[in-house]
C-alpha atoms as a PDB file:
ATOM      1  CA  ALA A   1     -16.487  41.878  -7.997  1.00  0.00           C
ATOM      2  CA  PRO A   2     -18.181  39.540  -5.465  1.00  0.00           C
ATOM      3  CA  MET A   3     -15.133  39.614  -3.189  1.00  0.00           C
ATOM      4  CA  PHE A   4     -14.968  43.393  -3.447  1.00  0.00           C
ATOM      5  CA  ILE A   5     -18.669  43.737  -2.628  1.00  0.00           C
ATOM      6  CA  GLY A   6     -18.298  41.273   0.245  1.00  0.00           C
ATOM      7  CA  THR A   7     -15.314  43.168   1.640  1.00  0.00           C
ATOM      8  CA  VAL A   8     -17.161  46.504   1.453  1.00  0.00           C
ATOM      9  CA  ALA A   9     -20.287  44.993   3.035  1.00  0.00           C
ATOM     10  CA  LEU A  10     -18.281  43.423   5.873  1.00  0.00           C
ATOM     11  CA  PHE A  11     -16.407  46.675   6.442  1.00  0.00           C
ATOM     12  CA  ALA A  12     -19.651  48.660   6.568  1.00  0.00           C
ATOM     13  CA  LEU A  13     -21.220  46.145   8.948  1.00  0.00           C
ATOM     14  CA  HIS A  14     -18.115  46.216  11.141  1.00  0.00           C
ATOM     15  CA  LEU A  15     -18.233  50.018  11.296  1.00  0.00           C
ATOM     16  CA  LEU A  16     -21.948  49.931  12.079  1.00  0.00           C
ATOM     17  CA  LEU A  17     -21.549  47.425  14.895  1.00  0.00           C
ATOM     18  CA  SER A  18     -18.534  49.266  16.285  1.00  0.00           C
ATOM     19  CA  GLU A  19     -20.520  52.505  16.278  1.00  0.00           C
ATOM     20  CA  PHE A  20     -23.167  50.949  18.512  1.00  0.00           C
ATOM     21  CA  GLY A  21     -20.546  49.458  20.812  1.00  0.00           C
ATOM     22  CA  ALA A  22     -21.204  45.844  19.884  1.00  0.00           C
ATOM     23  CA  ARG A  23     -18.362  43.349  19.877  1.00  0.00           C
ATOM     24  CA  ALA A  24     -17.382  42.629  16.300  1.00  0.00           C
ATOM     25  CA  GLY A  25     -14.270  40.479  16.722  1.00  0.00           C
ATOM     26  CA  ALA A  26     -15.488  37.630  14.533  1.00  0.00           C
ATOM     27  CA  LEU A  27     -16.689  40.091  11.938  1.00  0.00           C
ATOM     28  CA  TYR A  28     -13.249  41.740  11.909  1.00  0.00           C
ATOM     29  CA  VAL A  29     -11.601  38.355  11.295  1.00  0.00           C
ATOM     30  CA  ALA A  30     -14.088  37.660   8.487  1.00  0.00           C
ATOM     31  CA  LEU A  31     -13.228  41.044   6.993  1.00  0.00           C
ATOM     32  CA  GLN A  32      -9.505  40.242   7.143  1.00  0.00           C
ATOM     33  CA  LEU A  33     -10.044  36.819   5.565  1.00  0.00           C
ATOM     34  CA  THR A  34     -12.175  38.251   2.755  1.00  0.00           C
ATOM     35  CA  LEU A  35      -9.659  41.003   2.069  1.00  0.00           C
ATOM     36  CA  ALA A  36      -6.816  38.472   2.070  1.00  0.00           C
ATOM     37  CA  LEU A  37      -8.692  36.277  -0.396  1.00  0.00           C
ATOM     38  CA  ALA A  38      -9.335  39.235  -2.685  1.00  0.00           C
ATOM     39  CA  LEU A  39      -5.664  40.260  -2.617  1.00  0.00           C
ATOM     40  CA  VAL A  40      -4.444  36.697  -3.230  1.00  0.00           C
ATOM     41  CA  ARG A  41      -6.822  36.265  -6.168  1.00  0.00           C
ATOM     42  CA  LEU A  42      -5.707  39.615  -7.580  1.00  0.00           C
ATOM     43  CA  CYS A  43      -2.033  38.629  -7.277  1.00  0.00           C
ATOM     44  CA  THR A  44      -2.561  35.222  -8.869  1.00  0.00           C
ATOM     45  CA  PHE A  45      -4.516  36.850 -11.681  1.00  0.00           C
ATOM     46  CA  GLY A  46      -1.608  39.251 -12.233  1.00  0.00           C
ATOM     47  CA  MET A  47       0.833  36.346 -12.314  1.00  0.00           C
ATOM     48  CA  ARG A  48      -1.319  34.557 -14.865  1.00  0.00           C
ATOM     49  CA  LEU A  49      -1.277  37.675 -17.040  1.00  0.00           C
ATOM     50  CA  LEU A  50       2.497  37.893 -16.601  1.00  0.00           C
ATOM     51  CA  LEU A  51       3.063  34.260 -17.545  1.00  0.00           C
ATOM     52  CA  GLY A  52       0.501  34.216 -20.325  1.00  0.00           C
ATOM     53  CA  ARG A  53      -2.205  31.802 -21.332  1.00  0.00           C
ATOM     54  CA  GLU A  54      -1.716  28.110 -21.961  1.00  0.00           C
ATOM     55  CA  THR A  55       0.857  27.679 -19.181  1.00  0.00           C
ATOM     56  CA  TRP A  56       0.941  25.386 -16.187  1.00  0.00           C
ATOM     57  CA  PHE A  57       0.026  28.340 -13.967  1.00  0.00           C
ATOM     58  CA  ASP A  58      -3.165  28.935 -15.928  1.00  0.00           C
ATOM     59  CA  ALA A  59      -4.367  25.449 -15.015  1.00  0.00           C
ATOM     60  CA  TRP A  60      -3.265  25.697 -11.359  1.00  0.00           C
ATOM     61  CA  GLU A  61      -4.216  29.329 -10.623  1.00  0.00           C
ATOM     62  CA  GLY A  62      -7.266  28.540  -8.489  1.00  0.00           C
ATOM     63  CA  ARG A  63      -5.524  25.831  -6.480  1.00  0.00           C
ATOM     64  CA  ILE A  64      -2.492  28.015  -5.851  1.00  0.00           C
ATOM     65  CA  ALA A  65      -4.699  30.906  -4.719  1.00  0.00           C
ATOM     66  CA  VAL A  66      -6.629  28.693  -2.309  1.00  0.00           C
ATOM     67  CA  ALA A  67      -3.414  27.199  -0.870  1.00  0.00           C
ATOM     68  CA  ILE A  68      -1.865  30.625  -0.299  1.00  0.00           C
ATOM     69  CA  TRP A  69      -5.098  31.943   1.182  1.00  0.00           C
ATOM     70  CA  LEU A  70      -5.362  28.955   3.539  1.00  0.00           C
ATOM     71  CA  ILE A  71      -1.878  29.654   4.861  1.00  0.00           C
ATOM     72  CA  ILE A  72      -2.746  33.321   5.376  1.00  0.00           C
ATOM     73  CA  ALA A  73      -6.062  32.357   6.995  1.00  0.00           C
ATOM     74  CA  LEU A  74      -4.325  29.981   9.405  1.00  0.00           C
ATOM     75  CA  GLU A  75      -1.913  32.759  10.347  1.00  0.00           C
ATOM     76  CA  LEU A  76      -4.745  35.278  10.851  1.00  0.00           C
ATOM     77  CA  VAL A  77      -6.692  32.851  13.012  1.00  0.00           C
ATOM     78  CA  GLY A  78      -3.558  31.930  14.969  1.00  0.00           C
ATOM     79  CA  SER A  79      -3.347  28.238  14.107  1.00  0.00           C
ATOM     80  CA  LEU A  80      -0.264  28.269  11.863  1.00  0.00           C
ATOM     81  CA  GLY A  81       2.145  28.335  14.818  1.00  0.00           C
ATOM     82  CA  LYS A  82       0.440  25.323  16.387  1.00  0.00           C
ATOM     83  CA  ILE A  83       0.585  23.383  13.131  1.00  0.00           C
ATOM     84  CA  GLN A  84       4.255  24.290  12.691  1.00  0.00           C
ATOM     85  CA  ALA A  85       5.054  23.136  16.235  1.00  0.00           C
ATOM     86  CA  ALA A  86       3.241  19.846  15.639  1.00  0.00           C
ATOM     87  CA  LEU A  87       5.113  19.258  12.370  1.00  0.00           C
ATOM     88  CA  GLU A  88       8.436  20.076  14.069  1.00  0.00           C
ATOM     89  CA  HIS A  89       7.938  17.096  16.401  1.00  0.00           C
ATOM     90  CA  VAL A  90       7.626  14.571  13.553  1.00  0.00           C
ATOM     91  CA  HIS A  91      11.153  13.374  12.741  1.00  0.00           C
ATOM     92  CA  LEU A  92      11.469  11.728   9.347  1.00  0.00           C
ATOM     93  CA  ILE A  93      15.093  10.614   9.387  1.00  0.00           C
ATOM     94  CA  PRO A  94      16.534   9.430  12.684  1.00  0.00           C
ATOM     95  CA  GLY A  95      20.144  10.175  13.438  1.00  0.00           C
ATOM     96  CA  ARG A  96      22.320  13.044  14.517  1.00  0.00           C
ATOM     97  CA  ASP A  97      20.833  15.454  11.983  1.00  0.00           C
ATOM     98  CA  VAL A  98      17.205  16.299  12.653  1.00  0.00           C
ATOM     99  CA  PHE A  99      14.952  16.291   9.589  1.00  0.00           C
ATOM    100  CA  THR A 100      11.370  17.097  10.466  1.00  0.00           C
ATOM    101  CA  LEU A 101       8.133  17.095   8.547  1.00  0.00           C
ATOM    102  CA  TRP A 102       8.069  20.903   8.851  1.00  0.00           C
ATOM    103  CA  GLY A 103      11.490  21.043   7.173  1.00  0.00           C
ATOM    104  CA  LEU A 104      10.169  18.888   4.339  1.00  0.00           C
ATOM    105  CA  VAL A 105       7.104  21.102   3.835  1.00  0.00           C
ATOM    106  CA  LYS A 106       9.255  24.234   3.982  1.00  0.00           C
ATOM    107  CA  GLY A 107      11.670  22.750   1.438  1.00  0.00           C
ATOM    108  CA  ILE A 108       8.854  21.800  -0.943  1.00  0.00           C
ATOM    109  CA  VAL A 109       7.399  25.309  -0.746  1.00  0.00           C
ATOM    110  CA  ILE A 110      10.770  26.945  -1.389  1.00  0.00           C
ATOM    111  CA  VAL A 111      11.553  24.615  -4.297  1.00  0.00           C
ATOM    112  CA  THR A 112       8.119  25.392  -5.772  1.00  0.00           C
ATOM    113  CA  VAL A 113       8.698  29.127  -5.443  1.00  0.00           C
ATOM    114  CA  PHE A 114      12.119  28.811  -7.064  1.00  0.00           C
ATOM    115  CA  VAL A 115      10.668  26.765  -9.930  1.00  0.00           C
ATOM    116  CA  PHE A 116       8.063  29.479 -10.436  1.00  0.00           C
ATOM    117  CA  VAL A 117      10.669  32.269 -10.376  1.00  0.00           C
ATOM    118  CA  THR A 118      12.921  30.216 -12.636  1.00  0.00           C
ATOM    119  CA  THR A 119      10.088  29.868 -15.121  1.00  0.00           C
ATOM    120  CA  LEU A 120       9.530  33.624 -15.138  1.00  0.00           C
ATOM    121  CA  VAL A 121      13.231  34.416 -15.600  1.00  0.00           C
ATOM    122  CA  ALA A 122      13.671  31.718 -18.248  1.00  0.00           C
ATOM    123  CA  ARG A 123      10.714  33.014 -20.254  1.00  0.00           C
ATOM    124  CA  THR A 124      12.090  36.547 -20.094  1.00  0.00           C
ATOM    125  CA  VAL A 125      15.542  35.418 -21.211  1.00  0.00           C
ATOM    126  CA  GLU A 126      14.060  33.257 -23.939  1.00  0.00           C
ATOM    127  CA  ARG A 127      11.976  36.133 -25.307  1.00  0.00           C
ATOM    128  CA  ARG A 128      15.014  38.417 -25.427  1.00  0.00           C
ATOM    129  CA  LEU A 129      17.268  35.768 -26.922  1.00  0.00           C
ATOM    130  CA  MET A 130      14.788  34.873 -29.642  1.00  0.00           C
ATOM    131  CA  ARG A 131      14.836  38.484 -30.848  1.00  0.00           C
ATOM    132  CA  LEU A 132      18.562  38.325 -31.544  1.00  0.00           C
ATOM    133  CA  GLY A 133      18.966  37.559 -35.206  1.00  0.00           C
ATOM    134  CA  SER A 134      22.763  37.505 -35.123  1.00  0.00           C
ATOM    135  CA  ILE A 135      22.863  34.235 -33.160  1.00  0.00           C
ATOM    136  CA  ALA A 136      21.784  30.925 -34.676  1.00  0.00           C
ATOM    137  CA  LEU A 137      18.402  29.589 -33.533  1.00  0.00           C
ATOM    138  CA  SER A 138      19.862  26.411 -32.035  1.00  0.00           C
ATOM    139  CA  THR A 139      22.371  28.465 -30.024  1.00  0.00           C
ATOM    140  CA  ARG A 140      19.615  30.732 -28.717  1.00  0.00           C
ATOM    141  CA  ILE A 141      17.539  27.731 -27.643  1.00  0.00           C
ATOM    142  CA  GLY A 142      20.576  26.106 -26.038  1.00  0.00           C
ATOM    143  CA  ILE A 143      21.435  29.226 -24.052  1.00  0.00           C
ATOM    144  CA  SER A 144      17.870  29.639 -22.787  1.00  0.00           C
ATOM    145  CA  LYS A 145      17.634  25.970 -21.761  1.00  0.00           C
ATOM    146  CA  PHE A 146      21.042  26.138 -20.057  1.00  0.00           C
ATOM    147  CA  ILE A 147      20.000  29.202 -18.029  1.00  0.00           C
ATOM    148  CA  TYR A 148      16.705  27.532 -17.115  1.00  0.00           C
ATOM    149  CA  PHE A 149      18.357  24.355 -15.826  1.00  0.00           C
ATOM    150  CA  VAL A 150      21.095  26.214 -13.933  1.00  0.00           C
ATOM    151  CA  LEU A 151      18.493  28.337 -12.152  1.00  0.00           C
ATOM    152  CA  LEU A 152      16.332  25.274 -11.525  1.00  0.00           C
ATOM    153  CA  GLY A 153      19.296  23.393 -10.029  1.00  0.00           C
ATOM    154  CA  ILE A 154      20.157  26.312  -7.751  1.00  0.00           C
ATOM    155  CA  GLY A 155      16.526  26.533  -6.641  1.00  0.00           C
ATOM    156  CA  VAL A 156      16.305  22.840  -5.834  1.00  0.00           C
ATOM    157  CA  LEU A 157      19.583  22.939  -3.892  1.00  0.00           C
ATOM    158  CA  LEU A 158      18.468  26.009  -1.933  1.00  0.00           C
ATOM    159  CA  GLY A 159      15.145  24.340  -1.139  1.00  0.00           C
ATOM    160  CA  ILE A 160      16.828  21.170   0.052  1.00  0.00           C
ATOM    161  CA  ASN A 161      19.278  23.219   2.128  1.00  0.00           C
ATOM    162  CA  THR A 162      16.431  25.222   3.671  1.00  0.00           C
ATOM    163  CA  ALA A 163      14.646  21.990   4.542  1.00  0.00           C
ATOM    164  CA  GLY A 164      17.590  21.082   6.745  1.00  0.00           C
ATOM    165  CA  VAL A 165      19.522  18.633   4.561  1.00  0.00           C
ATOM    166  CA  ASP A 166      23.250  19.327   4.366  1.00  0.00           C
ATOM    167  CA  VAL A 167      24.030  19.834   0.662  1.00  0.00           C
ATOM    168  CA  THR A 168      27.746  20.498   1.123  1.00  0.00           C
ATOM    169  CA  THR A 169      28.469  16.793   0.853  1.00  0.00           C
END
């Protein structure tokens, strides 16, 4: 509710200032940032409801929302490109293959996203498998764990590949 009220108040103030011909560029950016924060918090709340209580996401929801909002805020302000360019110039592993700090950050983000998606898919599969009474409980648990680790392995390999490390070897 406070973010919604803040967004409405900023929008009304922006309209009022625009009506009188005043420059409201900073106010427009503040409106975008507030709206982005409200949408990110709404999405993370929805993900928490989807994953359920007593999960790792429940404990990290606020931190994840702030991290996502900071990235969006940097993009809205125009600083994300400068940060990316600066991180591209930091080479971590010398040699013929270039591995930059930006590639590392990008790989970590992609691996994290894949772990999150893997958790969602694994929980869905586990719920469906546990309803099957015709298969032994140990087999159902084994199948769900196997699917989880296969998806996790694929996610980690894709993240490492996206970071710029050749995984074909």
